[in-house]
Amino acid sequence: MTRFRRRLVTLGAAALGALGLLLGGTLASASGGAGEAASKTHTVLLTGFVFKPKTLSARAGDKVKFVWRDGVHNIVTVVGPSRITAKKPTDHRPPLIVTVKKGTYRLICQPHELVGMVITMRVR
């Protein structure tokens, strides 16, 4: 191997090592570092006579995005550490995005509660 090729291989290895450190540092800072996970956005659909999904597990600080698909719906908090509310029943509105706190939420759609339009969210 010529001196030029050896030098090229050494520089290439150094560049790959630096890239690995850079990417590792970026991933650690994006996830909050020190083993802390980044917040996540969960989507809940209001469609027909159900919330999809019917149950949701999340972490404190995560966001939940409620999206109206079809039907006339609202969202009312029955139980929960904070209120998540879109009181006026409507068939279309912009998505409602909320940040959740630790605890258990029980949300209903008032017009459809009797047919089971309920969601339980557990936030740890």
N, C-alpha and C. Protein backbone atom coordinates (compact mmCIF):
# COMPACT_ATOMS: atom_id res chain seq x y z
N MET A 1 0.85 -1.16 0.00
CA MET A 1 0.00 0.00 0.00
C MET A 1 0.90 1.24 0.00
N THR A 2 0.58 2.17 -0.85
CA THR A 2 1.39 3.38 -0.93
C THR A 2 1.11 4.31 0.25
N ARG A 3 2.01 5.23 0.46
CA ARG A 3 1.85 6.17 1.56
C ARG A 3 0.55 6.99 1.37
N PHE A 4 0.27 7.36 0.13
CA PHE A 4 -0.95 8.12 -0.17
C PHE A 4 -2.20 7.34 0.24
N ARG A 5 -2.25 6.05 -0.11
CA ARG A 5 -3.43 5.23 0.23
C ARG A 5 -3.56 5.06 1.73
N ARG A 6 -2.42 4.83 2.41
CA ARG A 6 -2.45 4.70 3.87
C ARG A 6 -3.01 5.98 4.50
N ARG A 7 -2.56 7.09 4.01
CA ARG A 7 -3.03 8.39 4.53
C ARG A 7 -4.53 8.55 4.26
N LEU A 8 -4.95 8.17 3.09
CA LEU A 8 -6.36 8.26 2.71
C LEU A 8 -7.22 7.37 3.62
N VAL A 9 -6.77 6.14 3.88
CA VAL A 9 -7.49 5.22 4.76
C VAL A 9 -7.54 5.78 6.17
N THR A 10 -6.44 6.33 6.65
CA THR A 10 -6.41 6.91 8.00
C THR A 10 -7.37 8.09 8.10
N LEU A 11 -7.35 8.97 7.10
CA LEU A 11 -8.27 10.12 7.11
C LEU A 11 -9.73 9.66 7.01
N GLY A 12 -9.98 8.66 6.20
CA GLY A 12 -11.34 8.12 6.07
C GLY A 12 -11.85 7.54 7.38
N ALA A 13 -10.98 6.79 8.06
CA ALA A 13 -11.35 6.21 9.36
C ALA A 13 -11.61 7.31 10.38
N ALA A 14 -10.77 8.35 10.37
CA ALA A 14 -10.96 9.47 11.30
C ALA A 14 -12.27 10.19 11.00
N ALA A 15 -12.57 10.37 9.72
CA ALA A 15 -13.82 11.03 9.34
C ALA A 15 -15.02 10.21 9.77
N LEU A 16 -14.97 8.90 9.59
CA LEU A 16 -16.08 8.04 10.02
C LEU A 16 -16.24 8.08 11.53
N GLY A 17 -15.12 8.08 12.25
CA GLY A 17 -15.19 8.17 13.71
C GLY A 17 -15.81 9.48 14.15
N ALA A 18 -15.42 10.57 13.53
CA ALA A 18 -15.97 11.89 13.86
C ALA A 18 -17.46 11.93 13.53
N LEU A 19 -17.84 11.35 12.40
CA LEU A 19 -19.25 11.31 12.02
C LEU A 19 -20.05 10.51 13.03
N GLY A 20 -19.51 9.40 13.47
CA GLY A 20 -20.18 8.59 14.48
C GLY A 20 -20.38 9.35 15.77
N LEU A 21 -19.36 10.08 16.21
CA LEU A 21 -19.48 10.90 17.42
C LEU A 21 -20.52 11.99 17.23
N LEU A 22 -20.50 12.61 16.06
CA LEU A 22 -21.45 13.67 15.77
C LEU A 22 -22.88 13.14 15.78
N LEU A 23 -23.11 12.03 15.11
CA LEU A 23 -24.46 11.45 15.08
C LEU A 23 -24.87 10.96 16.46
N GLY A 24 -23.97 10.35 17.19
CA GLY A 24 -24.28 9.89 18.54
C GLY A 24 -24.66 11.05 19.44
N GLY A 25 -23.91 12.16 19.34
CA GLY A 25 -24.21 13.35 20.13
C GLY A 25 -25.54 13.94 19.75
N THR A 26 -25.85 13.96 18.44
CA THR A 26 -27.12 14.50 17.97
C THR A 26 -28.27 13.65 18.48
N LEU A 27 -28.15 12.33 18.41
CA LEU A 27 -29.23 11.47 18.88
C LEU A 27 -29.43 11.61 20.38
N ALA A 28 -28.35 11.71 21.14
CA ALA A 28 -28.48 11.84 22.59
C ALA A 28 -29.16 13.15 22.94
N SER A 29 -28.80 14.25 22.26
CA SER A 29 -29.42 15.53 22.59
C SER A 29 -30.86 15.58 22.11
N ALA A 30 -31.18 14.92 21.00
CA ALA A 30 -32.56 14.91 20.52
C ALA A 30 -33.46 14.12 21.44
N SER A 31 -32.92 13.14 22.12
CA SER A 31 -33.76 12.35 23.02
C SER A 31 -33.75 12.90 24.44
N GLY A 32 -33.17 14.07 24.63
CA GLY A 32 -33.18 14.68 25.95
C GLY A 32 -31.94 14.33 26.76
N GLY A 33 -31.08 13.45 26.24
CA GLY A 33 -29.87 13.06 26.96
C GLY A 33 -30.19 12.32 28.24
N ALA A 34 -29.19 11.83 28.90
CA ALA A 34 -29.29 11.17 30.20
C ALA A 34 -30.44 10.17 30.27
N GLY A 35 -30.74 9.47 29.17
CA GLY A 35 -31.76 8.43 29.19
C GLY A 35 -33.19 8.94 29.18
N GLU A 36 -33.40 10.24 29.02
CA GLU A 36 -34.74 10.81 29.02
C GLU A 36 -35.29 10.77 27.60
N ALA A 37 -36.48 10.22 27.41
CA ALA A 37 -37.05 10.08 26.07
C ALA A 37 -37.68 11.39 25.62
N ALA A 38 -37.64 11.62 24.31
CA ALA A 38 -38.28 12.80 23.73
C ALA A 38 -39.79 12.66 23.80
N SER A 39 -40.49 13.78 23.85
CA SER A 39 -41.95 13.69 23.87
C SER A 39 -42.44 13.18 22.53
N LYS A 40 -43.60 12.59 22.55
CA LYS A 40 -44.17 11.92 21.40
C LYS A 40 -45.55 12.51 21.13
N THR A 41 -46.02 12.47 19.90
CA THR A 41 -47.37 12.90 19.59
C THR A 41 -48.20 11.67 19.23
N HIS A 42 -49.31 11.49 19.94
CA HIS A 42 -50.23 10.39 19.71
C HIS A 42 -51.47 10.96 19.01
N THR A 43 -52.02 10.23 18.05
CA THR A 43 -53.21 10.70 17.34
C THR A 43 -54.41 9.86 17.75
N VAL A 44 -55.52 10.56 18.06
CA VAL A 44 -56.79 9.93 18.38
C VAL A 44 -57.81 10.41 17.36
N LEU A 45 -58.46 9.47 16.69
CA LEU A 45 -59.48 9.81 15.70
C LEU A 45 -60.86 9.78 16.35
N LEU A 46 -61.70 10.75 16.01
CA LEU A 46 -63.11 10.75 16.39
C LEU A 46 -63.86 10.38 15.12
N THR A 47 -64.32 9.15 15.07
CA THR A 47 -64.92 8.64 13.84
C THR A 47 -66.08 7.71 14.16
N GLY A 48 -67.17 7.82 13.41
CA GLY A 48 -68.35 6.99 13.70
C GLY A 48 -68.82 7.26 15.11
N PHE A 49 -68.86 6.21 15.92
CA PHE A 49 -69.27 6.34 17.32
C PHE A 49 -68.16 5.93 18.27
N VAL A 50 -66.90 6.10 17.85
CA VAL A 50 -65.77 5.67 18.69
C VAL A 50 -64.62 6.65 18.62
N PHE A 51 -63.82 6.61 19.68
CA PHE A 51 -62.48 7.19 19.65
C PHE A 51 -61.57 6.05 19.21
N LYS A 52 -60.66 6.30 18.30
CA LYS A 52 -59.69 5.28 17.89
C LYS A 52 -58.31 5.80 18.22
N PRO A 53 -57.58 5.16 19.10
CA PRO A 53 -57.89 3.95 19.85
C PRO A 53 -58.79 4.24 21.05
N LYS A 54 -59.35 3.18 21.64
CA LYS A 54 -60.21 3.31 22.82
C LYS A 54 -59.40 3.51 24.10
N THR A 55 -58.16 3.04 24.10
CA THR A 55 -57.25 3.25 25.23
C THR A 55 -55.92 3.75 24.68
N LEU A 56 -55.24 4.53 25.49
CA LEU A 56 -53.98 5.12 25.06
C LEU A 56 -53.04 5.18 26.25
N SER A 57 -51.79 4.78 26.03
CA SER A 57 -50.74 4.92 27.05
C SER A 57 -49.76 5.96 26.54
N ALA A 58 -49.40 6.89 27.43
CA ALA A 58 -48.48 7.96 27.06
C ALA A 58 -47.60 8.30 28.25
N ARG A 59 -46.66 9.17 28.03
CA ARG A 59 -45.79 9.69 29.09
C ARG A 59 -46.14 11.15 29.33
N ALA A 60 -45.95 11.58 30.57
CA ALA A 60 -46.19 12.99 30.89
C ALA A 60 -45.36 13.86 29.95
N GLY A 61 -45.98 14.89 29.42
CA GLY A 61 -45.30 15.76 28.47
C GLY A 61 -45.56 15.41 27.02
N ASP A 62 -46.09 14.20 26.75
CA ASP A 62 -46.44 13.83 25.38
C ASP A 62 -47.62 14.68 24.92
N LYS A 63 -47.79 14.77 23.62
CA LYS A 63 -48.92 15.49 23.05
C LYS A 63 -49.93 14.48 22.50
N VAL A 64 -51.20 14.82 22.62
CA VAL A 64 -52.26 14.01 22.03
C VAL A 64 -53.01 14.91 21.05
N LYS A 65 -53.15 14.43 19.83
CA LYS A 65 -53.80 15.17 18.75
C LYS A 65 -55.14 14.50 18.46
N PHE A 66 -56.24 15.20 18.70
CA PHE A 66 -57.58 14.69 18.44
C PHE A 66 -58.02 15.19 17.07
N VAL A 67 -58.38 14.24 16.19
CA VAL A 67 -58.73 14.57 14.80
C VAL A 67 -60.16 14.12 14.52
N TRP A 68 -61.02 15.07 14.11
CA TRP A 68 -62.40 14.76 13.74
C TRP A 68 -62.40 14.18 12.34
N ARG A 69 -62.92 12.94 12.20
CA ARG A 69 -62.99 12.29 10.89
C ARG A 69 -64.39 12.37 10.30
N ASP A 70 -65.37 11.87 11.04
CA ASP A 70 -66.75 11.95 10.56
C ASP A 70 -67.69 11.89 11.76
N GLY A 71 -68.88 12.41 11.58
CA GLY A 71 -69.86 12.46 12.66
C GLY A 71 -69.75 13.77 13.44
N VAL A 72 -70.76 14.02 14.27
CA VAL A 72 -70.81 15.22 15.11
C VAL A 72 -70.35 14.82 16.51
N HIS A 73 -69.22 15.37 16.95
CA HIS A 73 -68.62 14.96 18.20
C HIS A 73 -68.15 16.15 19.03
N ASN A 74 -67.97 15.89 20.32
CA ASN A 74 -67.27 16.81 21.21
C ASN A 74 -66.38 15.98 22.13
N ILE A 75 -65.61 16.66 22.96
CA ILE A 75 -64.75 15.97 23.92
C ILE A 75 -64.96 16.64 25.27
N VAL A 76 -65.28 15.82 26.28
CA VAL A 76 -65.45 16.32 27.63
C VAL A 76 -64.68 15.40 28.57
N THR A 77 -63.91 16.00 29.48
CA THR A 77 -63.16 15.23 30.47
C THR A 77 -64.08 14.88 31.62
N VAL A 78 -64.22 13.59 31.91
CA VAL A 78 -64.99 13.13 33.06
C VAL A 78 -64.06 13.00 34.26
N VAL A 79 -62.89 12.41 34.03
CA VAL A 79 -61.86 12.23 35.06
C VAL A 79 -60.52 12.58 34.43
N GLY A 80 -59.66 13.24 35.19
CA GLY A 80 -58.33 13.51 34.68
C GLY A 80 -57.62 14.58 35.47
N PRO A 81 -56.29 14.56 35.41
CA PRO A 81 -55.51 15.55 36.14
C PRO A 81 -55.62 16.95 35.54
N SER A 82 -56.06 17.06 34.28
CA SER A 82 -56.31 18.35 33.65
C SER A 82 -57.48 18.19 32.69
N ARG A 83 -58.11 19.29 32.34
CA ARG A 83 -59.26 19.28 31.44
C ARG A 83 -58.83 19.26 29.99
N ILE A 84 -59.45 18.36 29.23
CA ILE A 84 -59.30 18.34 27.78
C ILE A 84 -60.73 18.51 27.28
N THR A 85 -61.00 19.65 26.66
CA THR A 85 -62.38 19.94 26.33
C THR A 85 -62.52 20.60 24.96
N ALA A 86 -63.47 20.12 24.21
CA ALA A 86 -63.98 20.74 23.00
C ALA A 86 -65.49 20.59 23.13
N LYS A 87 -66.13 21.48 23.90
CA LYS A 87 -67.51 21.30 24.35
C LYS A 87 -68.56 21.30 23.24
N LYS A 88 -68.41 22.19 22.27
CA LYS A 88 -69.45 22.32 21.25
C LYS A 88 -69.37 21.17 20.25
N PRO A 89 -70.45 20.35 20.18
CA PRO A 89 -70.43 19.26 19.20
C PRO A 89 -70.35 19.82 17.77
N THR A 90 -69.46 19.25 16.98
CA THR A 90 -69.29 19.69 15.60
C THR A 90 -68.84 18.52 14.75
N ASP A 91 -69.06 18.64 13.45
CA ASP A 91 -68.63 17.58 12.54
C ASP A 91 -67.27 17.87 11.92
N HIS A 92 -66.77 19.09 12.14
CA HIS A 92 -65.46 19.41 11.58
C HIS A 92 -64.85 20.54 12.37
N ARG A 93 -63.63 20.40 12.71
CA ARG A 93 -62.87 21.45 13.38
C ARG A 93 -61.39 21.14 13.20
N PRO A 94 -60.54 22.12 13.41
CA PRO A 94 -59.10 21.82 13.35
C PRO A 94 -58.74 20.82 14.45
N PRO A 95 -57.71 20.04 14.25
CA PRO A 95 -57.30 19.10 15.30
C PRO A 95 -57.04 19.83 16.62
N LEU A 96 -57.40 19.17 17.71
CA LEU A 96 -57.14 19.68 19.05
C LEU A 96 -55.88 18.99 19.54
N ILE A 97 -54.85 19.76 19.89
CA ILE A 97 -53.58 19.19 20.35
C ILE A 97 -53.35 19.64 21.78
N VAL A 98 -53.16 18.66 22.67
CA VAL A 98 -52.96 18.96 24.09
C VAL A 98 -51.73 18.23 24.60
N THR A 99 -51.11 18.81 25.63
CA THR A 99 -49.99 18.16 26.32
C THR A 99 -50.55 17.53 27.59
N VAL A 100 -50.29 16.24 27.80
CA VAL A 100 -50.90 15.52 28.92
C VAL A 100 -50.00 15.48 30.14
N LYS A 101 -50.65 15.47 31.31
CA LYS A 101 -49.98 15.36 32.60
C LYS A 101 -50.14 13.94 33.13
N LYS A 102 -49.33 13.59 34.11
CA LYS A 102 -49.37 12.25 34.71
C LYS A 102 -50.73 12.01 35.36
N GLY A 103 -51.29 10.83 35.11
CA GLY A 103 -52.57 10.45 35.69
C GLY A 103 -53.41 9.67 34.69
N THR A 104 -54.65 9.40 35.06
CA THR A 104 -55.58 8.68 34.20
C THR A 104 -56.70 9.62 33.78
N TYR A 105 -56.95 9.65 32.48
CA TYR A 105 -58.01 10.47 31.92
C TYR A 105 -59.13 9.56 31.43
N ARG A 106 -60.36 10.02 31.59
CA ARG A 106 -61.51 9.38 30.95
C ARG A 106 -62.25 10.48 30.22
N LEU A 107 -62.28 10.37 28.90
CA LEU A 107 -62.91 11.38 28.06
C LEU A 107 -64.11 10.76 27.36
N ILE A 108 -65.14 11.58 27.15
CA ILE A 108 -66.34 11.10 26.46
C ILE A 108 -66.71 12.07 25.35
N CYS A 109 -67.50 11.56 24.42
CA CYS A 109 -68.23 12.39 23.47
C CYS A 109 -69.66 12.37 24.00
N GLN A 110 -70.16 13.52 24.46
CA GLN A 110 -71.48 13.55 25.10
C GLN A 110 -72.60 13.00 24.23
N PRO A 111 -72.70 13.37 22.95
CA PRO A 111 -73.81 12.82 22.15
C PRO A 111 -73.74 11.30 21.98
N HIS A 112 -72.55 10.71 22.14
CA HIS A 112 -72.39 9.27 21.85
C HIS A 112 -71.88 8.46 23.03
N GLU A 113 -71.92 9.01 24.22
CA GLU A 113 -71.42 8.28 25.39
C GLU A 113 -72.21 6.98 25.60
N LEU A 114 -73.51 7.03 25.42
CA LEU A 114 -74.34 5.84 25.67
C LEU A 114 -74.06 4.70 24.69
N VAL A 115 -73.47 5.00 23.54
CA VAL A 115 -73.11 3.93 22.60
C VAL A 115 -71.62 3.58 22.71
N GLY A 116 -70.97 4.11 23.76
CA GLY A 116 -69.61 3.67 24.05
C GLY A 116 -68.49 4.55 23.52
N MET A 117 -68.79 5.80 23.17
CA MET A 117 -67.73 6.67 22.68
C MET A 117 -66.99 7.28 23.87
N VAL A 118 -66.04 6.47 24.37
CA VAL A 118 -65.26 6.80 25.57
C VAL A 118 -63.81 6.42 25.29
N ILE A 119 -62.87 7.20 25.80
CA ILE A 119 -61.46 6.84 25.70
C ILE A 119 -60.84 6.96 27.09
N THR A 120 -59.98 6.01 27.41
CA THR A 120 -59.20 6.05 28.64
C THR A 120 -57.75 6.24 28.27
N MET A 121 -57.12 7.26 28.86
CA MET A 121 -55.71 7.53 28.60
C MET A 121 -54.95 7.41 29.91
N ARG A 122 -53.93 6.57 29.92
CA ARG A 122 -53.07 6.42 31.09
C ARG A 122 -51.74 7.07 30.81
N VAL A 123 -51.40 8.05 31.63
CA VAL A 123 -50.17 8.80 31.42
C VAL A 123 -49.25 8.55 32.61
N ARG A 124 -48.02 8.06 32.34
CA ARG A 124 -47.08 7.78 33.42
C ARG A 124 -45.92 8.74 33.40
